[in-house]
Amino acid sequence: MDLRKIARNLERERCSKHNEKPKATPKRDSIDISCCCEEFRTKLTNKMSSEIKKEVENDLKKAFKGFGK
């Protein structure tokens, strides 16, 4: 899973209230998000969870591709 890719996607977002971009820093197994308000942080956290889920699903599909044939 590429956390840097997910962090870059999060940094493209803008807060609808403050028109500011967040700072997303990939760590060993998570991403730290710094942003202007809690509402925006919640939105970004939900997006991050969704993107991580997609990445894991894709990784699993790649890992098990060809099994069961």
N, C-alpha and C. Protein backbone atom coordinates (compact mmCIF):
# COMPACT_ATOMS: atom_id res chain seq x y z
N MET A 1 0.85 -1.18 0.00
CA MET A 1 0.00 0.00 0.00
C MET A 1 0.90 1.24 0.00
N ASP A 2 0.55 2.19 -0.86
CA ASP A 2 1.37 3.40 -1.02
C ASP A 2 0.74 4.56 -0.23
N LEU A 3 1.22 4.76 1.00
CA LEU A 3 0.68 5.84 1.83
C LEU A 3 1.04 7.22 1.30
N ARG A 4 2.16 7.32 0.60
CA ARG A 4 2.54 8.61 0.01
C ARG A 4 1.53 9.05 -1.04
N LYS A 5 1.07 8.10 -1.84
CA LYS A 5 0.06 8.40 -2.86
C LYS A 5 -1.24 8.89 -2.21
N ILE A 6 -1.66 8.22 -1.16
CA ILE A 6 -2.87 8.61 -0.44
C ILE A 6 -2.69 9.99 0.17
N ALA A 7 -1.53 10.24 0.77
CA ALA A 7 -1.25 11.55 1.37
C ALA A 7 -1.30 12.66 0.31
N ARG A 8 -0.76 12.40 -0.87
CA ARG A 8 -0.81 13.41 -1.95
C ARG A 8 -2.25 13.69 -2.35
N ASN A 9 -3.07 12.64 -2.42
CA ASN A 9 -4.49 12.83 -2.76
C ASN A 9 -5.19 13.68 -1.70
N LEU A 10 -4.88 13.44 -0.44
CA LEU A 10 -5.50 14.23 0.63
C LEU A 10 -5.08 15.69 0.56
N GLU A 11 -3.83 15.93 0.19
CA GLU A 11 -3.32 17.31 0.12
C GLU A 11 -3.91 18.11 -1.04
N ARG A 12 -4.59 17.45 -1.94
CA ARG A 12 -5.27 18.15 -3.05
C ARG A 12 -6.60 18.75 -2.64
N GLU A 13 -7.10 18.30 -1.50
CA GLU A 13 -8.39 18.79 -1.01
C GLU A 13 -8.25 20.21 -0.45
N ARG A 14 -9.36 20.94 -0.43
CA ARG A 14 -9.40 22.27 0.18
C ARG A 14 -10.58 22.34 1.14
N CYS A 15 -10.38 23.03 2.25
CA CYS A 15 -11.44 23.24 3.23
C CYS A 15 -12.49 24.16 2.62
N SER A 16 -13.75 23.78 2.70
CA SER A 16 -14.82 24.59 2.13
C SER A 16 -15.06 25.87 2.93
N LYS A 17 -14.72 25.86 4.21
CA LYS A 17 -14.91 27.05 5.04
C LYS A 17 -13.74 28.03 4.95
N HIS A 18 -12.52 27.50 4.99
CA HIS A 18 -11.32 28.34 5.11
C HIS A 18 -10.47 28.39 3.84
N ASN A 19 -10.84 27.59 2.85
CA ASN A 19 -10.13 27.53 1.57
C ASN A 19 -8.64 27.21 1.75
N GLU A 20 -8.33 26.38 2.73
CA GLU A 20 -6.94 26.01 2.99
C GLU A 20 -6.72 24.53 2.66
N LYS A 21 -5.48 24.21 2.32
CA LYS A 21 -5.10 22.83 2.05
C LYS A 21 -4.49 22.21 3.30
N PRO A 22 -4.66 20.91 3.47
CA PRO A 22 -4.07 20.23 4.62
C PRO A 22 -2.63 19.84 4.35
N LYS A 23 -1.96 19.41 5.40
CA LYS A 23 -0.63 18.81 5.31
C LYS A 23 -0.79 17.36 5.76
N ALA A 24 -0.54 16.43 4.86
CA ALA A 24 -0.65 15.01 5.17
C ALA A 24 0.74 14.40 5.14
N THR A 25 1.16 13.83 6.27
CA THR A 25 2.49 13.26 6.40
C THR A 25 2.41 11.75 6.60
N PRO A 26 2.89 10.98 5.62
CA PRO A 26 2.87 9.53 5.79
C PRO A 26 3.85 9.10 6.88
N LYS A 27 3.38 8.25 7.76
CA LYS A 27 4.22 7.66 8.80
C LYS A 27 4.44 6.19 8.45
N ARG A 28 4.94 5.44 9.36
CA ARG A 28 5.25 4.03 9.09
C ARG A 28 4.02 3.24 8.62
N ASP A 29 2.91 3.36 9.35
CA ASP A 29 1.70 2.62 8.97
C ASP A 29 0.44 3.47 9.10
N SER A 30 0.60 4.80 9.00
CA SER A 30 -0.55 5.70 9.06
C SER A 30 -0.18 7.03 8.40
N ILE A 31 -1.12 7.95 8.43
CA ILE A 31 -0.90 9.28 7.86
C ILE A 31 -1.33 10.30 8.90
N ASP A 32 -0.44 11.24 9.23
CA ASP A 32 -0.78 12.35 10.13
C ASP A 32 -1.36 13.48 9.28
N ILE A 33 -2.49 14.02 9.72
CA ILE A 33 -3.14 15.10 8.98
C ILE A 33 -3.17 16.36 9.84
N SER A 34 -2.63 17.45 9.30
CA SER A 34 -2.70 18.76 9.95
C SER A 34 -3.56 19.64 9.07
N CYS A 35 -4.58 20.24 9.66
CA CYS A 35 -5.46 21.10 8.86
C CYS A 35 -6.09 22.18 9.74
N CYS A 36 -6.91 23.01 9.10
CA CYS A 36 -7.41 24.23 9.74
C CYS A 36 -8.54 24.01 10.74
N CYS A 37 -9.35 22.98 10.58
CA CYS A 37 -10.49 22.80 11.49
C CYS A 37 -10.86 21.32 11.65
N GLU A 38 -11.59 21.04 12.69
CA GLU A 38 -11.97 19.67 13.01
C GLU A 38 -12.92 19.08 11.97
N GLU A 39 -13.80 19.89 11.43
CA GLU A 39 -14.74 19.42 10.40
C GLU A 39 -13.99 18.92 9.17
N PHE A 40 -12.99 19.67 8.74
CA PHE A 40 -12.18 19.29 7.59
C PHE A 40 -11.36 18.05 7.92
N ARG A 41 -10.84 17.95 9.13
CA ARG A 41 -10.08 16.78 9.56
C ARG A 41 -10.95 15.52 9.49
N THR A 42 -12.20 15.64 9.92
CA THR A 42 -13.13 14.51 9.86
C THR A 42 -13.36 14.07 8.42
N LYS A 43 -13.57 15.05 7.54
CA LYS A 43 -13.76 14.74 6.12
C LYS A 43 -12.53 14.03 5.55
N LEU A 44 -11.35 14.54 5.86
CA LEU A 44 -10.11 13.94 5.36
C LEU A 44 -9.87 12.55 5.94
N THR A 45 -10.19 12.37 7.21
CA THR A 45 -10.02 11.07 7.85
C THR A 45 -10.92 10.03 7.18
N ASN A 46 -12.16 10.42 6.87
CA ASN A 46 -13.07 9.51 6.18
C ASN A 46 -12.55 9.17 4.79
N LYS A 47 -12.05 10.17 4.08
CA LYS A 47 -11.50 9.94 2.75
C LYS A 47 -10.27 9.03 2.84
N MET A 48 -9.41 9.27 3.82
CA MET A 48 -8.22 8.45 4.00
C MET A 48 -8.61 7.00 4.25
N SER A 49 -9.59 6.77 5.11
CA SER A 49 -10.03 5.40 5.41
C SER A 49 -10.55 4.72 4.15
N SER A 50 -11.32 5.45 3.37
CA SER A 50 -11.86 4.91 2.13
C SER A 50 -10.75 4.56 1.14
N GLU A 51 -9.77 5.43 1.00
CA GLU A 51 -8.67 5.17 0.07
C GLU A 51 -7.79 4.02 0.54
N ILE A 52 -7.56 3.92 1.84
CA ILE A 52 -6.78 2.79 2.37
C ILE A 52 -7.52 1.48 2.11
N LYS A 53 -8.82 1.49 2.31
CA LYS A 53 -9.64 0.29 2.05
C LYS A 53 -9.50 -0.13 0.59
N LYS A 54 -9.59 0.83 -0.34
CA LYS A 54 -9.45 0.51 -1.77
C LYS A 54 -8.07 -0.07 -2.07
N GLU A 55 -7.03 0.54 -1.49
CA GLU A 55 -5.66 0.05 -1.71
C GLU A 55 -5.50 -1.38 -1.20
N VAL A 56 -6.04 -1.67 -0.02
CA VAL A 56 -5.94 -3.02 0.54
C VAL A 56 -6.68 -4.02 -0.34
N GLU A 57 -7.88 -3.64 -0.79
CA GLU A 57 -8.65 -4.52 -1.67
C GLU A 57 -7.88 -4.80 -2.95
N ASN A 58 -7.28 -3.77 -3.54
CA ASN A 58 -6.50 -3.96 -4.76
C ASN A 58 -5.29 -4.85 -4.51
N ASP A 59 -4.61 -4.64 -3.38
CA ASP A 59 -3.45 -5.47 -3.04
C ASP A 59 -3.86 -6.94 -2.87
N LEU A 60 -5.01 -7.16 -2.22
CA LEU A 60 -5.48 -8.54 -2.03
C LEU A 60 -5.85 -9.18 -3.37
N LYS A 61 -6.50 -8.42 -4.24
CA LYS A 61 -6.86 -8.97 -5.55
C LYS A 61 -5.62 -9.36 -6.33
N LYS A 62 -4.59 -8.51 -6.27
CA LYS A 62 -3.34 -8.82 -6.96
C LYS A 62 -2.67 -10.06 -6.36
N ALA A 63 -2.71 -10.16 -5.03
CA ALA A 63 -2.06 -11.28 -4.35
C ALA A 63 -2.74 -12.61 -4.65
N PHE A 64 -4.06 -12.58 -4.79
CA PHE A 64 -4.80 -13.82 -4.99
C PHE A 64 -5.22 -14.06 -6.43
N LYS A 65 -4.76 -13.21 -7.32
CA LYS A 65 -5.08 -13.38 -8.74
C LYS A 65 -4.49 -14.70 -9.23
N GLY A 66 -5.32 -15.47 -9.86
CA GLY A 66 -4.86 -16.76 -10.37
C GLY A 66 -5.16 -17.93 -9.46
N PHE A 67 -5.48 -17.67 -8.19
CA PHE A 67 -5.85 -18.77 -7.29
C PHE A 67 -7.28 -19.19 -7.58
N GLY A 68 -7.55 -20.46 -7.44
CA GLY A 68 -8.90 -20.97 -7.60
C GLY A 68 -9.26 -21.27 -9.04
N LYS A 69 -8.28 -21.23 -9.92
CA LYS A 69 -8.57 -21.56 -11.32
C LYS A 69 -8.24 -22.99 -11.60
